[in-house]
Amino acid sequence: MLAFTQRRAWSPVQDP
């Protein structure tokens, strides 16, 4: 999960 949060700002919905 840490790797996932590192890729995105924090929330996947905030991904542009």
PDB file of N, CA and C in Angstrom:
ATOM      1  N   MET A   1       0.845  -1.207   0.000  1.00  0.00           N
ATOM      2  CA  MET A   1       0.000   0.000   0.000  1.00  0.00           C
ATOM      3  C   MET A   1       0.877   1.253   0.000  1.00  0.00           C
ATOM      4  N   LEU A   2       2.013   1.191   0.645  1.00  0.00           N
ATOM      5  CA  LEU A   2       2.909   2.351   0.685  1.00  0.00           C
ATOM      6  C   LEU A   2       3.338   2.743  -0.722  1.00  0.00           C
ATOM      7  N   ALA A   3       3.637   1.747  -1.532  1.00  0.00           N
ATOM      8  CA  ALA A   3       4.062   2.026  -2.907  1.00  0.00           C
ATOM      9  C   ALA A   3       2.938   2.709  -3.672  1.00  0.00           C
ATOM     10  N   PHE A   4       1.713   2.320  -3.356  1.00  0.00           N
ATOM     11  CA  PHE A   4       0.556   2.909  -4.046  1.00  0.00           C
ATOM     12  C   PHE A   4       0.405   4.378  -3.671  1.00  0.00           C
ATOM     13  N   THR A   5       0.561   4.678  -2.393  1.00  0.00           N
ATOM     14  CA  THR A   5       0.411   6.067  -1.934  1.00  0.00           C
ATOM     15  C   THR A   5       1.549   6.923  -2.467  1.00  0.00           C
ATOM     16  N   GLN A   6       2.718   6.311  -2.651  1.00  0.00           N
ATOM     17  CA  GLN A   6       3.869   7.061  -3.160  1.00  0.00           C
ATOM     18  C   GLN A   6       3.628   7.456  -4.617  1.00  0.00           C
ATOM     19  N   ARG A   7       2.992   6.577  -5.380  1.00  0.00           N
ATOM     20  CA  ARG A   7       2.741   6.859  -6.792  1.00  0.00           C
ATOM     21  C   ARG A   7       1.724   7.986  -6.923  1.00  0.00           C
ATOM     22  N   ARG A   8       0.729   7.962  -6.082  1.00  0.00           N
ATOM     23  CA  ARG A   8      -0.320   8.993  -6.137  1.00  0.00           C
ATOM     24  C   ARG A   8      -0.103   9.986  -5.001  1.00  0.00           C
ATOM     25  N   ALA A   9      -0.722  11.139  -5.097  1.00  0.00           N
ATOM     26  CA  ALA A   9      -0.581  12.159  -4.056  1.00  0.00           C
ATOM     27  C   ALA A   9      -0.986  11.535  -2.714  1.00  0.00           C
ATOM     28  N   TRP A  10      -2.122  10.883  -2.680  1.00  0.00           N
ATOM     29  CA  TRP A  10      -2.618  10.200  -1.482  1.00  0.00           C
ATOM     30  C   TRP A  10      -3.870   9.406  -1.831  1.00  0.00           C
ATOM     31  N   SER A  11      -4.786  10.094  -2.538  1.00  0.00           N
ATOM     32  CA  SER A  11      -6.026   9.433  -2.943  1.00  0.00           C
ATOM     33  C   SER A  11      -6.018   9.193  -4.449  1.00  0.00           C
ATOM     34  N   PRO A  12      -6.410   8.020  -4.882  1.00  0.00           N
ATOM     35  CA  PRO A  12      -6.422   7.695  -6.306  1.00  0.00           C
ATOM     36  C   PRO A  12      -7.400   8.577  -7.082  1.00  0.00           C
ATOM     37  N   VAL A  13      -8.395   9.116  -6.402  1.00  0.00           N
ATOM     38  CA  VAL A  13      -9.394   9.960  -7.066  1.00  0.00           C
ATOM     39  C   VAL A  13      -8.779  11.308  -7.438  1.00  0.00           C
ATOM     40  N   GLN A  14      -7.687  11.679  -6.769  1.00  0.00           N
ATOM     41  CA  GLN A  14      -7.036  12.962  -7.036  1.00  0.00           C
ATOM     42  C   GLN A  14      -6.097  12.859  -8.246  1.00  0.00           C
ATOM     43  N   ASP A  15      -5.928  11.650  -8.750  1.00  0.00           N
ATOM     44  CA  ASP A  15      -5.033  11.466  -9.887  1.00  0.00           C
ATOM     45  C   ASP A  15      -5.567  12.217 -11.099  1.00  0.00           C
ATOM     46  N   PRO A  16      -4.779  13.073 -11.708  1.00  0.00           N
ATOM     47  CA  PRO A  16      -5.210  13.890 -12.846  1.00  0.00           C
ATOM     48  C   PRO A  16      -5.450  13.053 -14.112  1.00  0.00           C
TER      49      PRO A  16
END
